[in-house]
PDB file of N, CA and C in Angstrom:
ATOM      1  N   UNK A   1      -4.395  -6.763   9.079  1.00  0.00           N
ATOM      2  CA  UNK A   1      -3.490  -7.520   8.256  1.00  0.00           C
ATOM      3  C   UNK A   1      -2.328  -7.963   9.124  1.00  0.00           C
ATOM      4  N   UNK A   2      -1.900  -9.189   8.982  1.00  0.00           N
ATOM      5  CA  UNK A   2      -0.781  -9.688   9.768  1.00  0.00           C
ATOM      6  C   UNK A   2       0.467  -9.710   8.917  1.00  0.00           C
ATOM      7  N   UNK A   3       1.594  -9.590   9.586  1.00  0.00           N
ATOM      8  CA  UNK A   3       2.866  -9.633   8.889  1.00  0.00           C
ATOM      9  C   UNK A   3       3.066 -11.022   8.317  1.00  0.00           C
ATOM     10  N   UNK A   4       3.578 -11.092   7.105  1.00  0.00           N
ATOM     11  CA  UNK A   4       3.798 -12.376   6.466  1.00  0.00           C
ATOM     12  C   UNK A   4       5.254 -12.529   6.075  1.00  0.00           C
ATOM     13  N   UNK A   5       5.742 -13.750   6.139  1.00  0.00           N
ATOM     14  CA  UNK A   5       7.119 -14.035   5.749  1.00  0.00           C
ATOM     15  C   UNK A   5       7.158 -14.734   4.392  1.00  0.00           C
ATOM     16  N   UNK A   6       5.988 -15.001   3.791  1.00  0.00           N
ATOM     17  CA  UNK A   6       5.907 -15.673   2.512  1.00  0.00           C
ATOM     18  C   UNK A   6       6.560 -14.802   1.447  1.00  0.00           C
ATOM     19  N   UNK A   7       7.439 -15.387   0.625  1.00  0.00           N
ATOM     20  CA  UNK A   7       8.113 -14.622  -0.410  1.00  0.00           C
ATOM     21  C   UNK A   7       7.655 -15.004  -1.805  1.00  0.00           C
ATOM     22  N   UNK A   8       6.663 -15.872  -1.923  1.00  0.00           N
ATOM     23  CA  UNK A   8       6.151 -16.192  -3.247  1.00  0.00           C
ATOM     24  C   UNK A   8       5.158 -15.119  -3.666  1.00  0.00           C
ATOM     25  N   UNK A   9       5.056 -14.878  -4.956  1.00  0.00           N
ATOM     26  CA  UNK A   9       4.156 -13.841  -5.441  1.00  0.00           C
ATOM     27  C   UNK A   9       3.026 -14.445  -6.257  1.00  0.00           C
ATOM     28  N   UNK A  10       1.880 -13.799  -6.195  1.00  0.00           N
ATOM     29  CA  UNK A  10       0.728 -14.177  -7.000  1.00  0.00           C
ATOM     30  C   UNK A  10       0.800 -13.344  -8.270  1.00  0.00           C
ATOM     31  N   UNK A  11       0.724 -13.972  -9.437  1.00  0.00           N
ATOM     32  CA  UNK A  11       0.863 -13.175 -10.646  1.00  0.00           C
ATOM     33  C   UNK A  11      -0.143 -13.516 -11.741  1.00  0.00           C
ATOM     34  N   UNK A  12      -1.183 -14.255 -11.437  1.00  0.00           N
ATOM     35  CA  UNK A  12      -2.196 -14.584 -12.430  1.00  0.00           C
ATOM     36  C   UNK A  12      -3.442 -13.751 -12.169  1.00  0.00           C
ATOM     37  N   UNK A  13      -3.730 -12.836 -13.059  1.00  0.00           N
ATOM     38  CA  UNK A  13      -4.880 -11.960 -12.891  1.00  0.00           C
ATOM     39  C   UNK A  13      -5.741 -11.903 -14.141  1.00  0.00           C
ATOM     40  N   UNK A  14      -5.582 -12.866 -15.023  1.00  0.00           N
ATOM     41  CA  UNK A  14      -6.445 -13.016 -16.199  1.00  0.00           C
ATOM     42  C   UNK A  14      -6.624 -11.713 -16.961  1.00  0.00           C
ATOM     43  N   UNK A  15      -5.527 -11.074 -17.310  1.00  0.00           N
ATOM     44  CA  UNK A  15      -5.526  -9.873 -18.151  1.00  0.00           C
ATOM     45  C   UNK A  15      -6.258  -8.678 -17.551  1.00  0.00           C
ATOM     46  N   UNK A  16      -6.355  -8.605 -16.230  1.00  0.00           N
ATOM     47  CA  UNK A  16      -6.970  -7.445 -15.568  1.00  0.00           C
ATOM     48  C   UNK A  16      -5.882  -6.414 -15.286  1.00  0.00           C
ATOM     49  N   UNK A  17      -6.224  -5.140 -15.398  1.00  0.00           N
ATOM     50  CA  UNK A  17      -5.264  -4.065 -15.141  1.00  0.00           C
ATOM     51  C   UNK A  17      -4.792  -4.140 -13.692  1.00  0.00           C
ATOM     52  N   UNK A  18      -3.480  -4.018 -13.493  1.00  0.00           N
ATOM     53  CA  UNK A  18      -2.918  -4.173 -12.157  1.00  0.00           C
ATOM     54  C   UNK A  18      -1.782  -3.190 -11.935  1.00  0.00           C
ATOM     55  N   UNK A  19      -1.546  -2.850 -10.661  1.00  0.00           N
ATOM     56  CA  UNK A  19      -0.399  -2.069 -10.240  1.00  0.00           C
ATOM     57  C   UNK A  19       0.716  -3.063  -9.927  1.00  0.00           C
ATOM     58  N   UNK A  20       1.926  -2.795 -10.408  1.00  0.00           N
ATOM     59  CA  UNK A  20       3.048  -3.714 -10.221  1.00  0.00           C
ATOM     60  C   UNK A  20       4.226  -2.999  -9.583  1.00  0.00           C
ATOM     61  N   UNK A  21       5.076  -3.760  -8.906  1.00  0.00           N
ATOM     62  CA  UNK A  21       6.286  -3.217  -8.308  1.00  0.00           C
ATOM     63  C   UNK A  21       7.199  -2.707  -9.425  1.00  0.00           C
ATOM     64  N   UNK A  22       7.690  -1.489  -9.286  1.00  0.00           N
ATOM     65  CA  UNK A  22       8.561  -0.896 -10.296  1.00  0.00           C
ATOM     66  C   UNK A  22       9.914  -1.590 -10.364  1.00  0.00           C
ATOM     67  N   UNK A  23      10.318  -2.251  -9.282  1.00  0.00           N
ATOM     68  CA  UNK A  23      11.639  -2.885  -9.252  1.00  0.00           C
ATOM     69  C   UNK A  23      11.610  -4.318  -9.783  1.00  0.00           C
ATOM     70  N   UNK A  24      10.610  -5.130  -9.368  1.00  0.00           N
ATOM     71  CA  UNK A  24      10.620  -6.547  -9.752  1.00  0.00           C
ATOM     72  C   UNK A  24       9.392  -6.983 -10.556  1.00  0.00           C
ATOM     73  N   UNK A  25       8.442  -6.089 -10.763  1.00  0.00           N
ATOM     74  CA  UNK A  25       7.230  -6.333 -11.559  1.00  0.00           C
ATOM     75  C   UNK A  25       6.202  -7.247 -10.891  1.00  0.00           C
ATOM     76  N   UNK A  26       6.352  -7.547  -9.605  1.00  0.00           N
ATOM     77  CA  UNK A  26       5.324  -8.330  -8.906  1.00  0.00           C
ATOM     78  C   UNK A  26       4.034  -7.515  -8.859  1.00  0.00           C
ATOM     79  N   UNK A  27       2.905  -8.145  -9.104  1.00  0.00           N
ATOM     80  CA  UNK A  27       1.617  -7.467  -9.018  1.00  0.00           C
ATOM     81  C   UNK A  27       1.370  -7.095  -7.562  1.00  0.00           C
ATOM     82  N   UNK A  28       0.955  -5.833  -7.317  1.00  0.00           N
ATOM     83  CA  UNK A  28       0.687  -5.351  -5.960  1.00  0.00           C
ATOM     84  C   UNK A  28      -0.797  -5.147  -5.690  1.00  0.00           C
ATOM     85  N   UNK A  29      -1.552  -4.787  -6.710  1.00  0.00           N
ATOM     86  CA  UNK A  29      -2.993  -4.556  -6.540  1.00  0.00           C
ATOM     87  C   UNK A  29      -3.656  -4.508  -7.906  1.00  0.00           C
ATOM     88  N   UNK A  30      -4.912  -4.904  -7.935  1.00  0.00           N
ATOM     89  CA  UNK A  30      -5.699  -4.751  -9.153  1.00  0.00           C
ATOM     90  C   UNK A  30      -6.220  -3.324  -9.226  1.00  0.00           C
ATOM     91  N   UNK A  31      -6.391  -2.817 -10.422  1.00  0.00           N
ATOM     92  CA  UNK A  31      -6.921  -1.464 -10.585  1.00  0.00           C
ATOM     93  C   UNK A  31      -8.300  -1.342  -9.942  1.00  0.00           C
ATOM     94  N   UNK A  32      -9.057  -2.441  -9.887  1.00  0.00           N
ATOM     95  CA  UNK A  32     -10.380  -2.448  -9.247  1.00  0.00           C
ATOM     96  C   UNK A  32     -10.312  -2.080  -7.764  1.00  0.00           C
ATOM     97  N   UNK A  33      -9.155  -2.216  -7.128  1.00  0.00           N
ATOM     98  CA  UNK A  33      -8.992  -1.943  -5.704  1.00  0.00           C
ATOM     99  C   UNK A  33      -8.709  -0.466  -5.411  1.00  0.00           C
ATOM    100  N   UNK A  34      -8.559   0.354  -6.433  1.00  0.00           N
ATOM    101  CA  UNK A  34      -8.248   1.768  -6.272  1.00  0.00           C
ATOM    102  C   UNK A  34      -9.415   2.530  -5.645  1.00  0.00           C
ATOM    103  N   UNK A  35      -9.129   3.268  -4.569  1.00  0.00           N
ATOM    104  CA  UNK A  35     -10.122   4.121  -3.916  1.00  0.00           C
ATOM    105  C   UNK A  35      -9.905   5.575  -4.338  1.00  0.00           C
ATOM    106  N   UNK A  36      -8.647   6.032  -4.266  1.00  0.00           N
ATOM    107  CA  UNK A  36      -8.370   7.439  -4.545  1.00  0.00           C
ATOM    108  C   UNK A  36      -6.949   7.615  -5.070  1.00  0.00           C
ATOM    109  N   UNK A  37      -6.789   8.584  -5.962  1.00  0.00           N
ATOM    110  CA  UNK A  37      -5.472   8.934  -6.491  1.00  0.00           C
ATOM    111  C   UNK A  37      -4.906  10.191  -5.847  1.00  0.00           C
ATOM    112  N   UNK A  38      -5.601  10.748  -4.869  1.00  0.00           N
ATOM    113  CA  UNK A  38      -5.203  12.051  -4.316  1.00  0.00           C
ATOM    114  C   UNK A  38      -4.542  11.946  -2.945  1.00  0.00           C
ATOM    115  N   UNK A  39      -3.478  11.167  -2.864  1.00  0.00           N
ATOM    116  CA  UNK A  39      -2.704  11.045  -1.635  1.00  0.00           C
ATOM    117  C   UNK A  39      -1.256  11.405  -1.919  1.00  0.00           C
ATOM    118  N   UNK A  40      -0.546  11.836  -0.878  1.00  0.00           N
ATOM    119  CA  UNK A  40       0.868  12.163  -1.013  1.00  0.00           C
ATOM    120  C   UNK A  40       1.666  11.291  -0.070  1.00  0.00           C
ATOM    121  N   UNK A  41       2.779  10.792  -0.563  1.00  0.00           N
ATOM    122  CA  UNK A  41       3.665   9.953   0.241  1.00  0.00           C
ATOM    123  C   UNK A  41       5.027  10.593   0.390  1.00  0.00           C
ATOM    124  N   UNK A  42       5.930   9.881   1.036  1.00  0.00           N
ATOM    125  CA  UNK A  42       7.296  10.380   1.222  1.00  0.00           C
ATOM    126  C   UNK A  42       7.980  10.658  -0.113  1.00  0.00           C
ATOM    127  N   UNK A  43       7.694   9.802  -1.088  1.00  0.00           N
ATOM    128  CA  UNK A  43       8.386   9.859  -2.369  1.00  0.00           C
ATOM    129  C   UNK A  43       7.534  10.479  -3.472  1.00  0.00           C
ATOM    130  N   UNK A  44       6.409  11.081  -3.118  1.00  0.00           N
ATOM    131  CA  UNK A  44       5.557  11.676  -4.140  1.00  0.00           C
ATOM    132  C   UNK A  44       4.125  11.206  -4.008  1.00  0.00           C
ATOM    133  N   UNK A  45       3.410  11.213  -5.111  1.00  0.00           N
ATOM    134  CA  UNK A  45       2.002  10.865  -5.120  1.00  0.00           C
ATOM    135  C   UNK A  45       1.770   9.409  -4.733  1.00  0.00           C
ATOM    136  N   UNK A  46       0.649   9.172  -4.045  1.00  0.00           N
ATOM    137  CA  UNK A  46       0.297   7.824  -3.648  1.00  0.00           C
ATOM    138  C   UNK A  46      -1.154   7.526  -3.958  1.00  0.00           C
ATOM    139  N   UNK A  47      -1.484   6.259  -4.055  1.00  0.00           N
ATOM    140  CA  UNK A  47      -2.842   5.812  -4.335  1.00  0.00           C
ATOM    141  C   UNK A  47      -3.376   5.031  -3.151  1.00  0.00           C
ATOM    142  N   UNK A  48      -4.580   5.363  -2.714  1.00  0.00           N
ATOM    143  CA  UNK A  48      -5.240   4.657  -1.633  1.00  0.00           C
ATOM    144  C   UNK A  48      -5.940   3.443  -2.228  1.00  0.00           C
ATOM    145  N   UNK A  49      -5.667   2.261  -1.679  1.00  0.00           N
ATOM    146  CA  UNK A  49      -6.195   1.008  -2.218  1.00  0.00           C
ATOM    147  C   UNK A  49      -7.019   0.295  -1.155  1.00  0.00           C
ATOM    148  N   UNK A  50      -8.040  -0.450  -1.589  1.00  0.00           N
ATOM    149  CA  UNK A  50      -8.796  -1.303  -0.663  1.00  0.00           C
ATOM    150  C   UNK A  50      -7.903  -2.414  -0.122  1.00  0.00           C
ATOM    151  N   UNK A  51      -7.087  -3.009  -0.985  1.00  0.00           N
ATOM    152  CA  UNK A  51      -6.229  -4.115  -0.567  1.00  0.00           C
ATOM    153  C   UNK A  51      -5.044  -4.211  -1.501  1.00  0.00           C
ATOM    154  N   UNK A  52      -4.089  -5.001  -1.102  1.00  0.00           N
ATOM    155  CA  UNK A  52      -2.899  -5.252  -1.915  1.00  0.00           C
ATOM    156  C   UNK A  52      -2.484  -6.705  -1.732  1.00  0.00           C
ATOM    157  N   UNK A  53      -1.749  -7.221  -2.696  1.00  0.00           N
ATOM    158  CA  UNK A  53      -1.220  -8.585  -2.636  1.00  0.00           C
ATOM    159  C   UNK A  53       0.290  -8.516  -2.797  1.00  0.00           C
ATOM    160  N   UNK A  54       0.938  -9.613  -2.496  1.00  0.00           N
ATOM    161  CA  UNK A  54       2.392  -9.712  -2.647  1.00  0.00           C
ATOM    162  C   UNK A  54       3.125  -8.646  -1.843  1.00  0.00           C
ATOM    163  N   UNK A  55       2.581  -8.328  -0.653  1.00  0.00           N
ATOM    164  CA  UNK A  55       3.224  -7.360   0.220  1.00  0.00           C
ATOM    165  C   UNK A  55       3.377  -7.940   1.622  1.00  0.00           C
ATOM    166  N   UNK A  56       4.362  -7.432   2.342  1.00  0.00           N
ATOM    167  CA  UNK A  56       4.530  -7.760   3.756  1.00  0.00           C
ATOM    168  C   UNK A  56       4.523  -6.447   4.532  1.00  0.00           C
ATOM    169  N   UNK A  57       4.234  -6.563   5.815  1.00  0.00           N
ATOM    170  CA  UNK A  57       4.095  -5.380   6.660  1.00  0.00           C
ATOM    171  C   UNK A  57       5.331  -5.189   7.526  1.00  0.00           C
ATOM    172  N   UNK A  58       5.703  -3.939   7.689  1.00  0.00           N
ATOM    173  CA  UNK A  58       6.751  -3.582   8.630  1.00  0.00           C
ATOM    174  C   UNK A  58       6.165  -3.373  10.013  1.00  0.00           C
ATOM    175  N   UNK A  59       6.956  -2.754  10.875  1.00  0.00           N
ATOM    176  CA  UNK A  59       6.563  -2.510  12.257  1.00  0.00           C
ATOM    177  C   UNK A  59       5.571  -1.338  12.338  1.00  0.00           C
ATOM    178  N   UNK A  60       4.565  -1.485  13.214  1.00  0.00           N
ATOM    179  CA  UNK A  60       3.620  -0.389  13.485  1.00  0.00           C
ATOM    180  C   UNK A  60       4.355   0.757  14.151  1.00  0.00           C
ATOM    181  N   UNK A  61       3.984   1.983  13.760  1.00  0.00           N
ATOM    182  CA  UNK A  61       4.550   3.168  14.406  1.00  0.00           C
ATOM    183  C   UNK A  61       3.603   4.348  14.228  1.00  0.00           C
ATOM    184  N   UNK A  62       3.674   5.288  15.154  1.00  0.00           N
ATOM    185  CA  UNK A  62       2.939   6.537  15.012  1.00  0.00           C
ATOM    186  C   UNK A  62       3.783   7.446  14.134  1.00  0.00           C
ATOM    187  N   UNK A  63       3.152   7.989  13.090  1.00  0.00           N
ATOM    188  CA  UNK A  63       3.893   8.797  12.129  1.00  0.00           C
ATOM    189  C   UNK A  63       3.104  10.060  11.803  1.00  0.00           C
ATOM    190  N   UNK A  64       3.750  11.229  11.888  1.00  0.00           N
ATOM    191  CA  UNK A  64       3.071  12.458  11.481  1.00  0.00           C
ATOM    192  C   UNK A  64       2.971  12.496   9.959  1.00  0.00           C
ATOM    193  N   UNK A  65       1.746  12.586   9.445  1.00  0.00           N
ATOM    194  CA  UNK A  65       1.502  12.677   8.013  1.00  0.00           C
ATOM    195  C   UNK A  65       0.793  14.000   7.733  1.00  0.00           C
ATOM    196  N   UNK A  66       0.555  14.300   6.494  1.00  0.00           N
ATOM    197  CA  UNK A  66      -0.080  15.574   6.135  1.00  0.00           C
ATOM    198  C   UNK A  66      -1.435  15.763   6.793  1.00  0.00           C
ATOM    199  N   UNK A  67      -2.156  14.665   7.056  1.00  0.00           N
ATOM    200  CA  UNK A  67      -3.499  14.752   7.641  1.00  0.00           C
ATOM    201  C   UNK A  67      -3.509  14.473   9.143  1.00  0.00           C
ATOM    202  N   UNK A  68      -2.359  14.522   9.788  1.00  0.00           N
ATOM    203  CA  UNK A  68      -2.275  14.304  11.227  1.00  0.00           C
ATOM    204  C   UNK A  68      -1.425  13.092  11.557  1.00  0.00           C
ATOM    205  N   UNK A  69      -1.396  12.749  12.829  1.00  0.00           N
ATOM    206  CA  UNK A  69      -0.621  11.595  13.280  1.00  0.00           C
ATOM    207  C   UNK A  69      -1.459  10.342  13.073  1.00  0.00           C
ATOM    208  N   UNK A  70      -0.871   9.352  12.455  1.00  0.00           N
ATOM    209  CA  UNK A  70      -1.545   8.078  12.188  1.00  0.00           C
ATOM    210  C   UNK A  70      -0.657   6.940  12.683  1.00  0.00           C
ATOM    211  N   UNK A  71      -1.283   5.839  13.083  1.00  0.00           N
ATOM    212  CA  UNK A  71      -0.531   4.619  13.364  1.00  0.00           C
ATOM    213  C   UNK A  71      -0.493   3.848  12.054  1.00  0.00           C
ATOM    214  N   UNK A  72       0.712   3.652  11.533  1.00  0.00           N
ATOM    215  CA  UNK A  72       0.893   3.050  10.216  1.00  0.00           C
ATOM    216  C   UNK A  72       2.011   2.014  10.263  1.00  0.00           C
ATOM    217  N   UNK A  73       2.117   1.247   9.206  1.00  0.00           N
ATOM    218  CA  UNK A  73       3.248   0.342   9.005  1.00  0.00           C
ATOM    219  C   UNK A  73       3.651   0.436   7.548  1.00  0.00           C
ATOM    220  N   UNK A  74       4.939   0.453   7.293  1.00  0.00           N
ATOM    221  CA  UNK A  74       5.396   0.436   5.912  1.00  0.00           C
ATOM    222  C   UNK A  74       5.001  -0.884   5.268  1.00  0.00           C
ATOM    223  N   UNK A  75       4.793  -0.848   3.966  1.00  0.00           N
ATOM    224  CA  UNK A  75       4.417  -2.019   3.178  1.00  0.00           C
ATOM    225  C   UNK A  75       5.554  -2.290   2.200  1.00  0.00           C
ATOM    226  N   UNK A  76       5.973  -3.566   2.127  1.00  0.00           N
ATOM    227  CA  UNK A  76       7.101  -3.956   1.291  1.00  0.00           C
ATOM    228  C   UNK A  76       6.684  -5.012   0.273  1.00  0.00           C
ATOM    229  N   UNK A  77       7.241  -4.935  -0.921  1.00  0.00           N
ATOM    230  CA  UNK A  77       7.018  -5.948  -1.945  1.00  0.00           C
ATOM    231  C   UNK A  77       7.686  -7.251  -1.496  1.00  0.00           C
ATOM    232  N   UNK A  78       6.976  -8.374  -1.564  1.00  0.00           N
ATOM    233  CA  UNK A  78       7.582  -9.641  -1.148  1.00  0.00           C
ATOM    234  C   UNK A  78       8.556 -10.172  -2.201  1.00  0.00           C
ATOM    235  N   UNK A  79       8.461  -9.675  -3.418  1.00  0.00           N
ATOM    236  CA  UNK A  79       9.361 -10.131  -4.470  1.00  0.00           C
ATOM    237  C   UNK A  79      10.769  -9.592  -4.340  1.00  0.00           C
ATOM    238  N   UNK A  80      10.897  -8.318  -3.941  1.00  0.00           N
ATOM    239  CA  UNK A  80      12.219  -7.689  -3.899  1.00  0.00           C
ATOM    240  C   UNK A  80      12.508  -6.943  -2.599  1.00  0.00           C
ATOM    241  N   UNK A  81      11.547  -6.906  -1.677  1.00  0.00           N
ATOM    242  CA  UNK A  81      11.676  -6.238  -0.365  1.00  0.00           C
ATOM    243  C   UNK A  81      11.712  -4.717  -0.459  1.00  0.00           C
ATOM    244  N   UNK A  82      11.371  -4.152  -1.605  1.00  0.00           N
ATOM    245  CA  UNK A  82      11.331  -2.699  -1.779  1.00  0.00           C
ATOM    246  C   UNK A  82      10.117  -2.124  -1.049  1.00  0.00           C
ATOM    247  N   UNK A  83      10.280  -0.972  -0.391  1.00  0.00           N
ATOM    248  CA  UNK A  83       9.149  -0.295   0.248  1.00  0.00           C
ATOM    249  C   UNK A  83       8.262   0.271  -0.856  1.00  0.00           C
ATOM    250  N   UNK A  84       6.976  -0.078  -0.818  1.00  0.00           N
ATOM    251  CA  UNK A  84       6.053   0.380  -1.864  1.00  0.00           C
ATOM    252  C   UNK A  84       4.937   1.258  -1.321  1.00  0.00           C
ATOM    253  N   UNK A  85       4.886   1.472  -0.015  1.00  0.00           N
ATOM    254  CA  UNK A  85       3.844   2.316   0.548  1.00  0.00           C
ATOM    255  C   UNK A  85       3.676   2.062   2.031  1.00  0.00           C
ATOM    256  N   UNK A  86       2.456   2.307   2.531  1.00  0.00           N
ATOM    257  CA  UNK A  86       2.176   2.056   3.948  1.00  0.00           C
ATOM    258  C   UNK A  86       0.733   1.660   4.149  1.00  0.00           C
ATOM    259  N   UNK A  87       0.446   1.131   5.330  1.00  0.00           N
ATOM    260  CA  UNK A  87      -0.875   0.638   5.719  1.00  0.00           C
ATOM    261  C   UNK A  87      -1.353   1.462   6.910  1.00  0.00           C
ATOM    262  N   UNK A  88      -2.610   1.898   6.881  1.00  0.00           N
ATOM    263  CA  UNK A  88      -3.189   2.669   7.980  1.00  0.00           C
ATOM    264  C   UNK A  88      -3.801   1.734   9.024  1.00  0.00           C
ATOM    265  N   UNK A  89      -3.333   1.816  10.273  1.00  0.00           N
ATOM    266  CA  UNK A  89      -3.966   1.109  11.382  1.00  0.00           C
ATOM    267  C   UNK A  89      -4.940   2.017  12.116  1.00  0.00           C
ATOM    268  N   UNK A  90      -4.509   3.241  12.402  1.00  0.00           N
ATOM    269  CA  UNK A  90      -5.338   4.131  13.208  1.00  0.00           C
ATOM    270  C   UNK A  90      -5.057   5.581  12.833  1.00  0.00           C
ATOM    271  N   UNK A  91      -6.135   6.362  12.806  1.00  0.00           N
ATOM    272  CA  UNK A  91      -6.023   7.798  12.541  1.00  0.00           C
ATOM    273  C   UNK A  91      -6.430   8.562  13.792  1.00  0.00           C
ATOM    274  N   UNK A  92      -5.720   9.642  14.112  1.00  0.00           N
ATOM    275  CA  UNK A  92      -6.057  10.428  15.307  1.00  0.00           C
ATOM    276  C   UNK A  92      -7.165  11.432  15.036  1.00  0.00           C
ATOM    277  N   UNK A  93      -7.259  11.926  13.824  1.00  0.00           N
ATOM    278  CA  UNK A  93      -8.269  12.923  13.469  1.00  0.00           C
ATOM    279  C   UNK A  93      -9.564  12.233  13.044  1.00  0.00           C
ATOM    280  N   UNK A  94     -10.686  12.714  13.562  1.00  0.00           N
ATOM    281  CA  UNK A  94     -11.987  12.107  13.272  1.00  0.00           C
ATOM    282  C   UNK A  94     -12.285  12.047  11.772  1.00  0.00           C
ATOM    283  N   UNK A  95     -11.881  13.063  11.034  1.00  0.00           N
ATOM    284  CA  UNK A  95     -12.165  13.090   9.591  1.00  0.00           C
ATOM    285  C   UNK A  95     -11.374  12.043   8.814  1.00  0.00           C
ATOM    286  N   UNK A  96     -10.379  11.447   9.442  1.00  0.00           N
ATOM    287  CA  UNK A  96      -9.543  10.445   8.779  1.00  0.00           C
ATOM    288  C   UNK A  96      -9.882   9.014   9.193  1.00  0.00           C
ATOM    289  N   UNK A  97     -10.889   8.850  10.058  1.00  0.00           N
ATOM    290  CA  UNK A  97     -11.251   7.531  10.588  1.00  0.00           C
ATOM    291  C   UNK A  97     -11.689   6.553   9.494  1.00  0.00           C
ATOM    292  N   UNK A  98     -12.139   7.037   8.342  1.00  0.00           N
ATOM    293  CA  UNK A  98     -12.573   6.142   7.272  1.00  0.00           C
ATOM    294  C   UNK A  98     -11.448   5.233   6.785  1.00  0.00           C
ATOM    295  N   UNK A  99     -10.205   5.586   7.083  1.00  0.00           N
ATOM    296  CA  UNK A  99      -9.060   4.779   6.674  1.00  0.00           C
ATOM    297  C   UNK A  99      -8.851   3.576   7.591  1.00  0.00           C
ATOM    298  N   UNK A 100      -9.396   3.632   8.796  1.00  0.00           N
ATOM    299  CA  UNK A 100      -9.176   2.575   9.792  1.00  0.00           C
ATOM    300  C   UNK A 100      -9.996   1.333   9.495  1.00  0.00           C
ATOM    301  N   UNK A 101      -9.447   0.189   9.901  1.00  0.00           N
ATOM    302  CA  UNK A 101     -10.199  -1.053   9.857  1.00  0.00           C
ATOM    303  C   UNK A 101     -10.437  -1.600   8.471  1.00  0.00           C
ATOM    304  N   UNK A 102      -9.938  -0.933   7.465  1.00  0.00           N
ATOM    305  CA  UNK A 102     -10.037  -1.427   6.101  1.00  0.00           C
ATOM    306  C   UNK A 102      -8.664  -1.869   5.672  1.00  0.00           C
ATOM    307  N   UNK A 103      -8.645  -2.725   4.718  1.00  0.00           N
ATOM    308  CA  UNK A 103      -7.365  -3.144   4.174  1.00  0.00           C
ATOM    309  C   UNK A 103      -6.935  -2.095   3.147  1.00  0.00           C
ATOM    310  N   UNK A 104      -6.588  -0.919   3.666  1.00  0.00           N
ATOM    311  CA  UNK A 104      -6.206   0.163   2.769  1.00  0.00           C
ATOM    312  C   UNK A 104      -4.695   0.307   2.733  1.00  0.00           C
ATOM    313  N   UNK A 105      -4.209   0.546   1.601  1.00  0.00           N
ATOM    314  CA  UNK A 105      -2.777   0.698   1.387  1.00  0.00           C
ATOM    315  C   UNK A 105      -2.554   1.929   0.537  1.00  0.00           C
ATOM    316  N   UNK A 106      -1.411   2.504   0.708  1.00  0.00           N
ATOM    317  CA  UNK A 106      -0.974   3.554  -0.183  1.00  0.00           C
ATOM    318  C   UNK A 106       0.146   2.965  -1.020  1.00  0.00           C
ATOM    319  N   UNK A 107       0.006   3.030  -2.311  1.00  0.00           N
ATOM    320  CA  UNK A 107       1.093   2.637  -3.196  1.00  0.00           C
ATOM    321  C   UNK A 107       1.724   3.924  -3.705  1.00  0.00           C
ATOM    322  N   UNK A 108       2.993   4.099  -3.430  1.00  0.00           N
ATOM    323  CA  UNK A 108       3.642   5.301  -3.891  1.00  0.00           C
ATOM    324  C   UNK A 108       4.031   5.129  -5.350  1.00  0.00           C
ATOM    325  N   UNK A 109       3.771   6.143  -6.141  1.00  0.00           N
ATOM    326  CA  UNK A 109       3.913   6.008  -7.582  1.00  0.00           C
ATOM    327  C   UNK A 109       5.344   5.775  -8.032  1.00  0.00           C
ATOM    328  N   UNK A 110       6.325   6.192  -7.245  1.00  0.00           N
ATOM    329  CA  UNK A 110       7.718   5.901  -7.605  1.00  0.00           C
ATOM    330  C   UNK A 110       8.052   4.425  -7.427  1.00  0.00           C
ATOM    331  N   UNK A 111       7.276   3.728  -6.614  1.00  0.00           N
ATOM    332  CA  UNK A 111       7.562   2.321  -6.319  1.00  0.00           C
ATOM    333  C   UNK A 111       6.680   1.366  -7.101  1.00  0.00           C
ATOM    334  N   UNK A 112       5.672   1.882  -7.782  1.00  0.00           N
ATOM    335  CA  UNK A 112       4.721   1.012  -8.489  1.00  0.00           C
ATOM    336  C   UNK A 112       4.553   1.461  -9.920  1.00  0.00           C
ATOM    337  N   UNK A 113       4.513   0.486 -10.835  1.00  0.00           N
ATOM    338  CA  UNK A 113       4.160   0.770 -12.212  1.00  0.00           C
ATOM    339  C   UNK A 113       2.654   0.751 -12.281  1.00  0.00           C
ATOM    340  N   UNK A 114       2.077   1.799 -12.810  1.00  0.00           N
ATOM    341  CA  UNK A 114       0.650   1.981 -12.773  1.00  0.00           C
ATOM    342  C   UNK A 114       0.026   1.665 -14.126  1.00  0.00           C
ATOM    343  N   UNK A 115      -1.214   1.139 -14.104  1.00  0.00           N
ATOM    344  CA  UNK A 115      -1.859   0.806 -15.374  1.00  0.00           C
ATOM    345  C   UNK A 115      -2.229   2.048 -16.168  1.00  0.00           C
TER     346      UNK A 115
END
């Protein structure tokens, strides 16, 4: 995923259940994109997603997480610039490699209104 400077949001999802930014209500992901609800973030529980919309990426960095050191970037809502989670670029532990190369995001539950 490349960093984007676009600040317009996509908000037409034809009545499909979606995760939205808790601050500005921009849609962040469809419920269909949910992989797992069993993740923990800085601010509490997080959801692993196949993809997200209306987000921009922060700078890549190596960060120690509960499952080891990962190369990640924070993910921000393009509507209000609030941090809503992070994106996995690389995992150091072999058991965590399934997160790499996919458009996976963690949406932290404090930052997203959940369906």
